[in-house]
Structure formats: C-alpha cells, structure tokens
C-alpha cells in the first residue's frame, strides 16, 4: 500500500516537472519576424538559420554584449546599419573581433540574421 502511494507521488512529481520544463522552454523561446516577402517554402530554412545565429550569438557574443544585445553606442539593440557594417567589416578585413577569424562567413551571416530579425 505504501509503495503504491510513493509510486503515485513519484508519477505526479515527474509529470509536474515535465510540464514545468515545457512551459519554461516555451516562454523563453526567442521571438522573431520573417523577412518581408519571404517565400513560404523558405520559412523553415530561415528559422533554422535564425536559430543557428541565436546559438552562435550566445556562444560568442553574449559575454560582451549580453542578453540585451547592447551595441557599442550603449543602445539596447543593434541598428540595421550597425549589423550591416559589422558583417561587411568582418567579411572583408576581419578586424572586429578575434574569435571571428575562426568563424565561417555563413556563421557570421547567421548571427547578423538573428540580430536583425529578433524581436524584443
């Protein structure tokens, strides 16, 4: 009898934990907008690329720019011009950040897409 009660408690706690983790993950999902005029068939590809940029930002950029995406001028997000200039500077001269020398141009594009299309 006591084992049966313990098993029920275990199941209830386990289910509650699963629901909690699901809600936590769902609420922390990063929001984004699609580029204008994106073809329906390209949306999944865009989402995958956006997620790649999000991950790379977290691994490489967040330690300095934080989760508030602070730009060098103290703004709370990068402007479209700053994102474009950053991508061009890295791809042409690669002088902006030391770690970017080891990144592919595709990785840099993914970070820039994430910064451009994320929503606050």
C-alpha atoms as a PDB file:
ATOM      1  CA  UNK A   1       0.000   0.000   0.000  1.00  0.00           C
ATOM      2  CA  UNK A   2       2.759   2.445   0.969  1.00  0.00           C
ATOM      3  CA  UNK A   3       4.681   1.577  -2.221  1.00  0.00           C
ATOM      4  CA  UNK A   4       1.569   2.395  -4.253  1.00  0.00           C
ATOM      5  CA  UNK A   5       1.291   5.847  -2.629  1.00  0.00           C
ATOM      6  CA  UNK A   6       5.007   6.507  -3.189  1.00  0.00           C
ATOM      7  CA  UNK A   7       4.639   5.488  -6.843  1.00  0.00           C
ATOM      8  CA  UNK A   8       1.701   7.898  -7.288  1.00  0.00           C
ATOM      9  CA  UNK A   9       3.725  10.723  -5.712  1.00  0.00           C
ATOM     10  CA  UNK A  10       6.636   9.896  -7.984  1.00  0.00           C
ATOM     11  CA  UNK A  11       4.422   9.985 -11.087  1.00  0.00           C
ATOM     12  CA  UNK A  12       2.740  13.241 -10.047  1.00  0.00           C
ATOM     13  CA  UNK A  13       6.062  14.966  -9.292  1.00  0.00           C
ATOM     14  CA  UNK A  14       7.504  13.648 -12.569  1.00  0.00           C
ATOM     15  CA  UNK A  15       4.565  14.918 -14.616  1.00  0.00           C
ATOM     16  CA  UNK A  16       4.629  18.279 -12.855  1.00  0.00           C
ATOM     17  CA  UNK A  17       8.347  18.587 -13.618  1.00  0.00           C
ATOM     18  CA  UNK A  18       7.783  17.817 -17.301  1.00  0.00           C
ATOM     19  CA  UNK A  19       5.014  20.420 -17.532  1.00  0.00           C
ATOM     20  CA  UNK A  20       7.187  22.989 -15.750  1.00  0.00           C
ATOM     21  CA  UNK A  21      10.133  22.426 -18.106  1.00  0.00           C
ATOM     22  CA  UNK A  22       7.841  22.593 -21.143  1.00  0.00           C
ATOM     23  CA  UNK A  23       6.306  25.889 -20.009  1.00  0.00           C
ATOM     24  CA  UNK A  24       9.718  27.312 -19.124  1.00  0.00           C
ATOM     25  CA  UNK A  25      11.155  26.413 -22.538  1.00  0.00           C
ATOM     26  CA  UNK A  26       8.109  27.676 -24.389  1.00  0.00           C
ATOM     27  CA  UNK A  27       8.093  31.012 -22.573  1.00  0.00           C
ATOM     28  CA  UNK A  28      11.796  31.578 -23.165  1.00  0.00           C
ATOM     29  CA  UNK A  29      11.566  30.937 -26.899  1.00  0.00           C
ATOM     30  CA  UNK A  30      13.124  33.783 -28.797  1.00  0.00           C
ATOM     31  CA  UNK A  31      10.665  35.698 -30.952  1.00  0.00           C
ATOM     32  CA  UNK A  32      11.425  36.821 -34.461  1.00  0.00           C
ATOM     33  CA  UNK A  33       9.892  38.269 -37.577  1.00  0.00           C
ATOM     34  CA  UNK A  34      10.257  36.879 -41.067  1.00  0.00           C
ATOM     35  CA  UNK A  35      11.966  38.944 -43.741  1.00  0.00           C
ATOM     36  CA  UNK A  36       9.455  40.749 -45.944  1.00  0.00           C
ATOM     37  CA  UNK A  37       8.245  38.799 -48.958  1.00  0.00           C
ATOM     38  CA  UNK A  38       9.809  35.514 -47.829  1.00  0.00           C
ATOM     39  CA  UNK A  39       8.595  32.552 -49.840  1.00  0.00           C
ATOM     40  CA  UNK A  40       6.565  30.066 -47.788  1.00  0.00           C
ATOM     41  CA  UNK A  41       8.903  27.244 -48.842  1.00  0.00           C
ATOM     42  CA  UNK A  42      11.897  29.116 -47.357  1.00  0.00           C
ATOM     43  CA  UNK A  43      10.430  29.746 -43.887  1.00  0.00           C
ATOM     44  CA  UNK A  44      11.765  26.558 -42.269  1.00  0.00           C
ATOM     45  CA  UNK A  45      15.217  27.218 -43.711  1.00  0.00           C
ATOM     46  CA  UNK A  46      15.062  30.775 -42.328  1.00  0.00           C
ATOM     47  CA  UNK A  47      14.024  29.551 -38.855  1.00  0.00           C
ATOM     48  CA  UNK A  48      16.892  27.039 -38.793  1.00  0.00           C
ATOM     49  CA  UNK A  49      19.367  29.748 -39.851  1.00  0.00           C
ATOM     50  CA  UNK A  50      17.927  32.156 -37.257  1.00  0.00           C
ATOM     51  CA  UNK A  51      18.320  29.519 -34.519  1.00  0.00           C
ATOM     52  CA  UNK A  52      21.903  28.912 -35.623  1.00  0.00           C
ATOM     53  CA  UNK A  53      22.584  32.651 -35.261  1.00  0.00           C
ATOM     54  CA  UNK A  54      20.952  32.677 -31.833  1.00  0.00           C
ATOM     55  CA  UNK A  55      23.162  29.816 -30.687  1.00  0.00           C
ATOM     56  CA  UNK A  56      26.327  31.371 -32.124  1.00  0.00           C
ATOM     57  CA  UNK A  57      25.487  34.733 -30.541  1.00  0.00           C
ATOM     58  CA  UNK A  58      25.121  33.016 -27.175  1.00  0.00           C
ATOM     59  CA  UNK A  59      28.422  31.202 -27.535  1.00  0.00           C
ATOM     60  CA  UNK A  60      30.473  34.073 -28.933  1.00  0.00           C
ATOM     61  CA  UNK A  61      28.885  37.485 -28.459  1.00  0.00           C
ATOM     62  CA  UNK A  62      26.752  37.412 -25.317  1.00  0.00           C
ATOM     63  CA  UNK A  63      29.693  37.544 -22.918  1.00  0.00           C
ATOM     64  CA  UNK A  64      30.353  41.148 -24.034  1.00  0.00           C
ATOM     65  CA  UNK A  65      27.019  42.283 -25.476  1.00  0.00           C
ATOM     66  CA  UNK A  66      24.795  40.375 -23.050  1.00  0.00           C
ATOM     67  CA  UNK A  67      21.279  39.088 -23.462  1.00  0.00           C
ATOM     68  CA  UNK A  68      20.077  42.658 -24.005  1.00  0.00           C
ATOM     69  CA  UNK A  69      22.122  42.837 -27.217  1.00  0.00           C
ATOM     70  CA  UNK A  70      23.873  46.067 -26.218  1.00  0.00           C
ATOM     71  CA  UNK A  71      25.566  47.863 -29.054  1.00  0.00           C
ATOM     72  CA  UNK A  72      28.805  49.780 -28.664  1.00  0.00           C
ATOM     73  CA  UNK A  73      26.949  53.093 -28.518  1.00  0.00           C
ATOM     74  CA  UNK A  74      25.018  51.911 -25.463  1.00  0.00           C
ATOM     75  CA  UNK A  75      21.746  51.241 -27.260  1.00  0.00           C
ATOM     76  CA  UNK A  76      19.613  48.329 -26.240  1.00  0.00           C
ATOM     77  CA  UNK A  77      19.796  46.735 -29.649  1.00  0.00           C
ATOM     78  CA  UNK A  78      21.906  46.926 -32.761  1.00  0.00           C
ATOM     79  CA  UNK A  79      20.599  49.069 -35.585  1.00  0.00           C
ATOM     80  CA  UNK A  80      20.258  47.624 -39.066  1.00  0.00           C
ATOM     81  CA  UNK A  81      23.172  49.814 -40.174  1.00  0.00           C
ATOM     82  CA  UNK A  82      25.405  48.533 -37.362  1.00  0.00           C
ATOM     83  CA  UNK A  83      24.580  44.936 -38.257  1.00  0.00           C
ATOM     84  CA  UNK A  84      25.315  45.523 -41.946  1.00  0.00           C
ATOM     85  CA  UNK A  85      28.593  47.336 -41.203  1.00  0.00           C
ATOM     86  CA  UNK A  86      29.663  44.627 -38.791  1.00  0.00           C
ATOM     87  CA  UNK A  87      29.059  41.889 -41.366  1.00  0.00           C
ATOM     88  CA  UNK A  88      30.934  43.797 -44.078  1.00  0.00           C
ATOM     89  CA  UNK A  89      33.903  44.617 -41.825  1.00  0.00           C
ATOM     90  CA  UNK A  90      34.275  41.023 -40.698  1.00  0.00           C
ATOM     91  CA  UNK A  91      33.932  39.547 -44.164  1.00  0.00           C
ATOM     92  CA  UNK A  92      36.375  41.960 -45.799  1.00  0.00           C
ATOM     93  CA  UNK A  93      39.001  42.703 -43.150  1.00  0.00           C
ATOM     94  CA  UNK A  94      38.029  40.502 -40.207  1.00  0.00           C
ATOM     95  CA  UNK A  95      39.388  43.036 -37.710  1.00  0.00           C
ATOM     96  CA  UNK A  96      36.402  43.475 -35.431  1.00  0.00           C
ATOM     97  CA  UNK A  97      36.659  40.506 -33.082  1.00  0.00           C
ATOM     98  CA  UNK A  98      39.457  37.959 -32.730  1.00  0.00           C
ATOM     99  CA  UNK A  99      37.122  34.946 -32.467  1.00  0.00           C
ATOM    100  CA  UNK A 100      35.508  35.733 -35.825  1.00  0.00           C
ATOM    101  CA  UNK A 101      38.708  34.741 -37.626  1.00  0.00           C
ATOM    102  CA  UNK A 102      37.757  31.146 -36.870  1.00  0.00           C
ATOM    103  CA  UNK A 103      34.132  31.514 -37.991  1.00  0.00           C
ATOM    104  CA  UNK A 104      32.782  30.903 -41.460  1.00  0.00           C
ATOM    105  CA  UNK A 105      31.058  33.685 -43.378  1.00  0.00           C
ATOM    106  CA  UNK A 106      27.877  31.607 -43.038  1.00  0.00           C
ATOM    107  CA  UNK A 107      28.226  31.701 -39.227  1.00  0.00           C
ATOM    108  CA  UNK A 108      28.655  35.473 -39.305  1.00  0.00           C
ATOM    109  CA  UNK A 109      25.607  35.799 -41.575  1.00  0.00           C
ATOM    110  CA  UNK A 110      23.589  33.664 -39.152  1.00  0.00           C
ATOM    111  CA  UNK A 111      24.475  35.961 -36.231  1.00  0.00           C
ATOM    112  CA  UNK A 112      23.551  39.021 -38.293  1.00  0.00           C
ATOM    113  CA  UNK A 113      20.231  37.456 -39.340  1.00  0.00           C
ATOM    114  CA  UNK A 114      19.487  36.677 -35.698  1.00  0.00           C
ATOM    115  CA  UNK A 115      20.250  40.258 -34.638  1.00  0.00           C
ATOM    116  CA  UNK A 116      18.245  41.782 -37.477  1.00  0.00           C
ATOM    117  CA  UNK A 117      15.058  39.703 -37.180  1.00  0.00           C
ATOM    118  CA  UNK A 118      14.802  39.006 -33.454  1.00  0.00           C
ATOM    119  CA  UNK A 119      12.028  40.739 -31.574  1.00  0.00           C
ATOM    120  CA  UNK A 120      12.309  42.177 -28.108  1.00  0.00           C
END
